[in-house]
C-alpha atoms as a PDB file:
ATOM      1  CA  ILE A   1      52.964  54.902 119.941  1.00  0.00           C
ATOM      2  CA  ASN A   2      52.713  56.072 116.351  1.00  0.00           C
ATOM      3  CA  TYR A   3      55.951  55.896 114.329  1.00  0.00           C
ATOM      4  CA  TYR A   4      56.612  57.671 111.054  1.00  0.00           C
ATOM      5  CA  LEU A   5      59.248  56.903 108.447  1.00  0.00           C
ATOM      6  CA  PRO A   6      62.553  58.709 109.098  1.00  0.00           C
ATOM      7  CA  THR A   7      63.329  61.999 107.403  1.00  0.00           C
ATOM      8  CA  GLU A   8      66.651  61.820 105.562  1.00  0.00           C
ATOM      9  CA  LEU A   9      68.944  64.845 105.880  1.00  0.00           C
ATOM     10  CA  SER A  10      72.391  65.546 104.492  1.00  0.00           C
ATOM     11  CA  ARG A  11      74.785  67.992 106.130  1.00  0.00           C
ATOM     12  CA  CYS A  12      78.449  68.973 106.027  1.00  0.00           C
ATOM     13  CA  GLU A  13      80.776  68.989 109.017  1.00  0.00           C
ATOM     14  CA  ASN A  14      79.986  71.813 111.466  1.00  0.00           C
ATOM     15  CA  GLU A  15      76.747  72.581 109.632  1.00  0.00           C
ATOM     16  CA  THR A  16      73.565  72.966 111.652  1.00  0.00           C
ATOM     17  CA  ALA A  17      70.609  70.648 111.147  1.00  0.00           C
ATOM     18  CA  VAL A  18      67.165  72.047 111.900  1.00  0.00           C
ATOM     19  CA  LEU A  19      64.663  69.405 113.067  1.00  0.00           C
ATOM     20  CA  LYS A  20      61.004  70.339 113.128  1.00  0.00           C
ATOM     21  CA  PRO A  21      58.496  67.963 114.785  1.00  0.00           C
ATOM     22  CA  THR A  22      55.116  68.012 113.093  1.00  0.00           C
ATOM     23  CA  LEU A  23      53.086  68.161 116.304  1.00  0.00           C
ATOM     24  CA  GLN A  24      53.031  70.361 119.371  1.00  0.00           C
ATOM     25  CA  GLY A  25      53.356  68.697 122.703  1.00  0.00           C
ATOM     26  CA  THR A  26      56.014  67.586 125.169  1.00  0.00           C
ATOM     27  CA  TYR A  27      59.268  66.550 123.538  1.00  0.00           C
ATOM     28  CA  ALA A  28      61.951  64.060 124.469  1.00  0.00           C
ATOM     29  CA  TRP A  29      64.993  63.982 122.200  1.00  0.00           C
ATOM     30  CA  TYR A  30      67.241  60.953 121.798  1.00  0.00           C
ATOM     31  CA  LEU A  31      70.346  59.949 119.923  1.00  0.00           C
ATOM     32  CA  LEU A  32      69.837  56.414 118.583  1.00  0.00           C
ATOM     33  CA  GLN A  33      72.807  54.115 119.158  1.00  0.00           C
ATOM     34  CA  GLU A  34      74.052  51.434 116.759  1.00  0.00           C
ATOM     35  CA  ASP A  35      72.718  48.679 119.048  1.00  0.00           C
ATOM     36  CA  GLY A  36      69.212  50.182 118.906  1.00  0.00           C
ATOM     37  CA  SER A  37      69.312  51.777 122.348  1.00  0.00           C
ATOM     38  CA  LYS A  38      68.472  55.434 122.966  1.00  0.00           C
ATOM     39  CA  LYS A  39      70.661  58.083 124.579  1.00  0.00           C
ATOM     40  CA  ALA A  40      68.811  61.126 125.846  1.00  0.00           C
ATOM     41  CA  ILE A  41      69.955  64.506 124.592  1.00  0.00           C
ATOM     42  CA  SER A  42      69.986  66.140 127.997  1.00  0.00           C
ATOM     43  CA  GLU A  43      70.050  69.786 126.973  1.00  0.00           C
ATOM     44  CA  PRO A  44      68.329  70.249 123.639  1.00  0.00           C
ATOM     45  CA  THR A  45      68.779  73.694 122.123  1.00  0.00           C
ATOM     46  CA  ILE A  46      65.353  75.082 121.322  1.00  0.00           C
ATOM     47  CA  LYS A  47      65.894  78.342 119.451  1.00  0.00           C
ATOM     48  CA  ASN A  48      62.338  78.977 118.376  1.00  0.00           C
ATOM     49  CA  SER A  49      59.659  77.758 120.761  1.00  0.00           C
ATOM     50  CA  THR A  50      56.796  78.633 118.406  1.00  0.00           C
ATOM     51  CA  VAL A  51      57.806  76.027 115.816  1.00  0.00           C
ATOM     52  CA  TYR A  52      59.616  73.728 118.246  1.00  0.00           C
ATOM     53  CA  CYS A  53      62.833  73.396 116.260  1.00  0.00           C
ATOM     54  CA  GLU A  54      65.803  71.438 117.447  1.00  0.00           C
ATOM     55  CA  TYR A  55      69.127  72.835 116.242  1.00  0.00           C
ATOM     56  CA  LEU A  56      71.968  70.342 116.151  1.00  0.00           C
ATOM     57  CA  THR A  57      75.496  70.423 114.803  1.00  0.00           C
ATOM     58  CA  PRO A  58      76.364  66.731 114.509  1.00  0.00           C
ATOM     59  CA  ASN A  59      79.995  65.832 113.906  1.00  0.00           C
ATOM     60  CA  ALA A  60      79.184  62.379 112.568  1.00  0.00           C
ATOM     61  CA  THR A  61      76.340  60.621 110.836  1.00  0.00           C
ATOM     62  CA  SER A  62      73.537  60.456 113.410  1.00  0.00           C
ATOM     63  CA  ARG A  63      70.005  59.196 113.980  1.00  0.00           C
ATOM     64  CA  ILE A  64      67.875  61.526 116.087  1.00  0.00           C
ATOM     65  CA  LEU A  65      64.533  60.528 117.614  1.00  0.00           C
ATOM     66  CA  CYS A  66      61.924  62.891 118.997  1.00  0.00           C
ATOM     67  CA  SER A  67      59.209  61.314 121.135  1.00  0.00           C
ATOM     68  CA  ILE A  68      56.208  63.635 121.166  1.00  0.00           C
ATOM     69  CA  THR A  69      53.597  63.343 123.894  1.00  0.00           C
ATOM     70  CA  HIS A  70      50.446  65.082 122.702  1.00  0.00           C
ATOM     71  CA  SER A  71      46.731  65.119 123.440  1.00  0.00           C
ATOM     72  CA  ASN A  72      46.077  61.911 121.471  1.00  0.00           C
ATOM     73  CA  GLY A  73      49.014  59.867 122.699  1.00  0.00           C
ATOM     74  CA  ILE A  74      52.681  59.510 121.773  1.00  0.00           C
ATOM     75  CA  ARG A  75      54.303  59.784 118.361  1.00  0.00           C
ATOM     76  CA  ASP A  76      57.934  59.103 117.503  1.00  0.00           C
ATOM     77  CA  GLU A  77      59.580  61.059 114.689  1.00  0.00           C
ATOM     78  CA  GLN A  78      63.075  60.283 113.478  1.00  0.00           C
ATOM     79  CA  TRP A  79      65.717  62.071 111.423  1.00  0.00           C
ATOM     80  CA  ASN A  80      68.680  60.320 109.840  1.00  0.00           C
ATOM     81  CA  ILE A  81      71.425  62.909 109.403  1.00  0.00           C
ATOM     82  CA  THR A  82      74.250  61.942 107.061  1.00  0.00           C
ATOM     83  CA  VAL A  83      77.322  64.077 107.732  1.00  0.00           C
ATOM     84  CA  HIS A  84      79.777  64.547 104.868  1.00  0.00           C
ATOM     85  CA  ALA A  85      83.385  65.487 105.558  1.00  0.00           C
ATOM     86  CA  ASN A  86      84.636  68.867 104.445  1.00  0.00           C
ATOM     87  CA  PRO A  87      87.454  68.656 101.900  1.00  0.00           C
ATOM     88  CA  SER A  88      90.945  68.569 103.366  1.00  0.00           C
ATOM     89  CA  PHE A  89      93.835  70.375 101.691  1.00  0.00           C
ATOM     90  CA  GLU A  90      96.956  72.416 102.319  1.00  0.00           C
ATOM     91  CA  VAL A  91      98.625  75.143 100.265  1.00  0.00           C
ATOM     92  CA  GLU A  92     102.379  75.226  99.639  1.00  0.00           C
ATOM     93  CA  VAL A  93     103.796  78.496  98.333  1.00  0.00           C
ATOM     94  CA  GLU A  94     107.061  78.844  96.426  1.00  0.00           C
ATOM     95  CA  GLY A  95     107.810  82.261  95.036  1.00  0.00           C
ATOM     96  CA  ARG A  96     104.653  83.415  93.309  1.00  0.00           C
ATOM     97  CA  ASP A  97     103.334  79.908  92.689  1.00  0.00           C
ATOM     98  CA  ALA A  98     101.040  77.838  94.912  1.00  0.00           C
ATOM     99  CA  THR A  99     100.551  74.067  94.946  1.00  0.00           C
ATOM    100  CA  ILE A 100      97.457  72.531  96.515  1.00  0.00           C
ATOM    101  CA  GLN A 101      98.098  69.285  98.380  1.00  0.00           C
ATOM    102  CA  THR A 102      94.965  67.142  98.718  1.00  0.00           C
ATOM    103  CA  ASP A 103      93.779  63.558  98.476  1.00  0.00           C
ATOM    104  CA  ASP A 104      90.141  64.622  98.161  1.00  0.00           C
ATOM    105  CA  THR A 105      88.129  64.955  94.983  1.00  0.00           C
ATOM    106  CA  PHE A 106      86.810  68.472  94.531  1.00  0.00           C
ATOM    107  CA  THR A 107      84.352  70.104  92.170  1.00  0.00           C
ATOM    108  CA  SER A 108      85.414  73.695  92.682  1.00  0.00           C
ATOM    109  CA  LEU A 109      88.588  75.559  93.633  1.00  0.00           C
ATOM    110  CA  VAL A 110      88.136  79.328  93.890  1.00  0.00           C
ATOM    111  CA  LEU A 111      90.852  81.906  94.541  1.00  0.00           C
ATOM    112  CA  ASP A 112      89.894  85.097  96.374  1.00  0.00           C
ATOM    113  CA  GLY A 113      86.217  84.512  95.605  1.00  0.00           C
ATOM    114  CA  GLN A 114      86.740  85.187  91.891  1.00  0.00           C
ATOM    115  CA  MET A 115      89.061  82.932  89.892  1.00  0.00           C
ATOM    116  CA  ALA A 116      88.089  79.257  89.515  1.00  0.00           C
ATOM    117  CA  TYR A 117      90.682  76.553  88.860  1.00  0.00           C
ATOM    118  CA  GLU A 118      90.470  72.894  87.888  1.00  0.00           C
ATOM    119  CA  GLN A 119      94.125  72.025  88.496  1.00  0.00           C
ATOM    120  CA  THR A 120      95.996  71.865  91.796  1.00  0.00           C
ATOM    121  CA  TRP A 121      98.549  74.552  91.005  1.00  0.00           C
ATOM    122  CA  ILE A 122      98.298  78.311  90.557  1.00  0.00           C
ATOM    123  CA  THR A 123     101.049  80.438  89.037  1.00  0.00           C
ATOM    124  CA  MET A 124     101.982  84.121  88.980  1.00  0.00           C
ATOM    125  CA  LEU A 125     100.069  85.131  92.086  1.00  0.00           C
ATOM    126  CA  ASN A 126     100.090  88.720  93.227  1.00  0.00           C
ATOM    127  CA  VAL A 127     102.032  89.624  96.345  1.00  0.00           C
ATOM    128  CA  GLY A 128      99.873  89.604  99.464  1.00  0.00           C
ATOM    129  CA  GLU A 129      97.299  87.456 101.241  1.00  0.00           C
ATOM    130  CA  HIS A 130      95.017  85.087  99.332  1.00  0.00           C
ATOM    131  CA  THR A 131      92.037  82.903 100.206  1.00  0.00           C
ATOM    132  CA  LEU A 132      91.402  79.557  98.555  1.00  0.00           C
ATOM    133  CA  THR A 133      88.021  77.799  98.829  1.00  0.00           C
ATOM    134  CA  MET A 134      87.611  74.121  97.944  1.00  0.00           C
ATOM    135  CA  THR A 135      84.170  72.556  97.450  1.00  0.00           C
ATOM    136  CA  ASN A 136      83.400  68.855  97.084  1.00  0.00           C
ATOM    137  CA  ALA A 137      80.513  67.017  95.387  1.00  0.00           C
ATOM    138  CA  TYR A 138      78.335  67.353  98.510  1.00  0.00           C
ATOM    139  CA  GLY A 139      78.697  71.123  98.531  1.00  0.00           C
ATOM    140  CA  CYS A 140      80.940  71.006 101.604  1.00  0.00           C
ATOM    141  CA  LYS A 141      83.599  73.703 101.699  1.00  0.00           C
ATOM    142  CA  SER A 142      86.970  74.310 103.317  1.00  0.00           C
ATOM    143  CA  ILE A 143      88.902  77.571 103.262  1.00  0.00           C
ATOM    144  CA  ARG A 144      92.631  78.166 103.541  1.00  0.00           C
ATOM    145  CA  THR A 145      94.444  81.500 103.738  1.00  0.00           C
ATOM    146  CA  PHE A 146      98.027  81.884 102.537  1.00  0.00           C
ATOM    147  CA  GLU A 147     100.433  84.689 101.710  1.00  0.00           C
ATOM    148  CA  VAL A 148     102.800  85.418  98.838  1.00  0.00           C
ATOM    149  CA  VAL A 149     105.774  87.238 100.349  1.00  0.00           C
ATOM    150  CA  PRO A 150     107.848  89.595  98.155  1.00  0.00           C
ATOM    151  CA  VAL A 151     111.427  88.587  97.392  1.00  0.00           C
ATOM    152  CA  PRO A 152     114.178  91.193  97.952  1.00  0.00           C
ATOM    153  CA  LEU A 153     116.251  92.238  94.929  1.00  0.00           C
ATOM    154  CA  GLU A 154     120.019  91.748  95.093  1.00  0.00           C
ATOM    155  CA  PRO A 155     121.853  93.239  92.074  1.00  0.00           C
ATOM    156  CA  MET A 156     125.416  92.093  91.396  1.00  0.00           C
ATOM    157  CA  VAL A 157     128.037  94.618  92.478  1.00  0.00           C
ATOM    158  CA  PHE A 158     130.146  94.105  89.335  1.00  0.00           C
ATOM    159  CA  CYS A 159     130.507  91.960  86.226  1.00  0.00           C
ATOM    160  CA  SER A 160     133.488  91.035  84.025  1.00  0.00           C
ATOM    161  CA  PRO A 161     132.156  90.180  80.545  1.00  0.00           C
ATOM    162  CA  ASN A 162     135.377  88.643  79.201  1.00  0.00           C
ATOM    163  CA  GLN A 163     133.840  85.258  78.394  1.00  0.00           C
ATOM    164  CA  ASP A 164     135.906  83.384  80.956  1.00  0.00           C
ATOM    165  CA  GLY A 165     132.793  81.912  82.530  1.00  0.00           C
ATOM    166  CA  ASN A 166     133.038  83.990  85.697  1.00  0.00           C
ATOM    167  CA  PHE A 167     130.627  86.874  86.226  1.00  0.00           C
ATOM    168  CA  ASP A 168     130.206  87.346  82.463  1.00  0.00           C
ATOM    169  CA  ASN A 169     126.603  88.580  82.851  1.00  0.00           C
ATOM    170  CA  TRP A 170     125.409  91.203  85.267  1.00  0.00           C
ATOM    171  CA  LYS A 171     122.241  89.926  86.976  1.00  0.00           C
ATOM    172  CA  VAL A 172     119.757  90.878  89.664  1.00  0.00           C
ATOM    173  CA  LYS A 173     119.050  88.053  92.088  1.00  0.00           C
ATOM    174  CA  GLY A 174     115.321  87.688  92.707  1.00  0.00           C
ATOM    175  CA  ILE A 175     114.249  89.537  89.548  1.00  0.00           C
ATOM    176  CA  ASP A 176     112.400  86.467  88.274  1.00  0.00           C
ATOM    177  CA  PHE A 177     109.852  87.092  91.052  1.00  0.00           C
ATOM    178  CA  TYR A 178     108.808  90.254  89.197  1.00  0.00           C
ATOM    179  CA  PRO A 179     108.109  89.260  85.560  1.00  0.00           C
ATOM    180  CA  GLU A 180     106.856  92.742  84.660  1.00  0.00           C
ATOM    181  CA  ALA A 181     110.008  94.433  85.953  1.00  0.00           C
ATOM    182  CA  THR A 182     112.060  96.722  83.735  1.00  0.00           C
ATOM    183  CA  VAL A 183     115.768  97.239  84.393  1.00  0.00           C
ATOM    184  CA  GLN A 184     117.628 100.210  82.881  1.00  0.00           C
ATOM    185  CA  ILE A 185     121.416 100.431  82.785  1.00  0.00           C
ATOM    186  CA  TYR A 186     123.158 103.831  82.577  1.00  0.00           C
ATOM    187  CA  ASP A 187     126.680 105.038  82.155  1.00  0.00           C
ATOM    188  CA  ARG A 188     128.041 107.787  84.398  1.00  0.00           C
ATOM    189  CA  TYR A 189     126.872 110.693  82.208  1.00  0.00           C
ATOM    190  CA  PRO A 190     123.992 109.404  82.530  1.00  0.00           C
ATOM    191  CA  ARG A 191     123.044 107.773  79.275  1.00  0.00           C
ATOM    192  CA  VAL A 192     120.739 104.795  78.979  1.00  0.00           C
ATOM    193  CA  LEU A 193     122.825 101.908  77.672  1.00  0.00           C
ATOM    194  CA  LEU A 194     120.166  99.256  77.782  1.00  0.00           C
ATOM    195  CA  THR A 195     116.626  98.557  78.916  1.00  0.00           C
ATOM    196  CA  LEU A 196     115.865  94.977  79.939  1.00  0.00           C
ATOM    197  CA  GLN A 197     112.243  93.858  79.846  1.00  0.00           C
ATOM    198  CA  ARG A 198     110.225  90.644  80.124  1.00  0.00           C
ATOM    199  CA  ASP A 199     112.591  87.648  80.387  1.00  0.00           C
ATOM    200  CA  ALA A 200     115.726  89.669  79.687  1.00  0.00           C
ATOM    201  CA  PRO A 201     116.336  90.765  83.321  1.00  0.00           C
ATOM    202  CA  VAL A 202     116.520  87.099  84.360  1.00  0.00           C
ATOM    203  CA  HIS A 203     119.315  86.378  81.892  1.00  0.00           C
ATOM    204  CA  GLY A 204     121.083  89.611  82.739  1.00  0.00           C
ATOM    205  CA  TRP A 205     123.324  91.965  80.768  1.00  0.00           C
ATOM    206  CA  ASP A 206     126.381  90.722  78.913  1.00  0.00           C
ATOM    207  CA  GLY A 207     128.214  94.059  79.078  1.00  0.00           C
ATOM    208  CA  HIS A 208     127.593  95.027  75.434  1.00  0.00           C
ATOM    209  CA  TYR A 209     126.185  98.275  74.087  1.00  0.00           C
ATOM    210  CA  THR A 210     125.031  98.363  70.442  1.00  0.00           C
ATOM    211  CA  ARG A 211     126.682  94.934  70.014  1.00  0.00           C
ATOM    212  CA  HIS A 212     130.057  96.212  71.184  1.00  0.00           C
ATOM    213  CA  PRO A 213     131.724  95.695  74.545  1.00  0.00           C
ATOM    214  CA  THR A 214     131.368  98.711  76.779  1.00  0.00           C
ATOM    215  CA  PRO A 215     134.605 100.246  78.095  1.00  0.00           C
ATOM    216  CA  MET A 216     135.664  99.372  81.600  1.00  0.00           C
ATOM    217  CA  ASN A 217     133.905 101.939  83.711  1.00  0.00           C
ATOM    218  CA  ASP A 218     131.071 102.517  86.144  1.00  0.00           C
ATOM    219  CA  THR A 219     127.502 101.698  85.179  1.00  0.00           C
ATOM    220  CA  TRP A 220     124.324 102.428  87.061  1.00  0.00           C
ATOM    221  CA  HIS A 221     120.971 100.710  87.270  1.00  0.00           C
END
């Protein structure tokens, strides 16, 4: 029996390893055990008979032996397949922000196939479904899909800007979810009393128009 030095291969979880014996002949495939014994691979998957390839998807580091019976005798060829774990992570969404929970070290974190991040938090995401891909130093990848759900707007029914600490500012609950929102306030005529933009909608309206309190009346938004 001729024996050749093992071929070293590196694969990620659920990644196929293609093993190609160097000789044509009759093949017997074995999984080598830790104690040195051999366990026959009873149903090898031969996907290309012309090159005699063995396709395996090992879920753990494995040693595969192929015993080739050919016209000049028997030759053993071995492959040592090191299997690297795919990165493990979860995504927690709060509002329009996402936090990535992981104990693994990663080299790449890509959002929707475009934006790359080095930190484990992402802010001001668009509403809708997103895909996050994490890659580790071995090139192994894991993908998670998550969704940013829109928040309903709930404007206050009234306000009483008399500086007593109760309902002094008219606000819209949930407006902070929409940082580009613009809120316009009208009187009944209708005349635009105020336009709130950027951070102003979050803080609300204090009931003043041109620095003077507006008369008690209806307003519209």
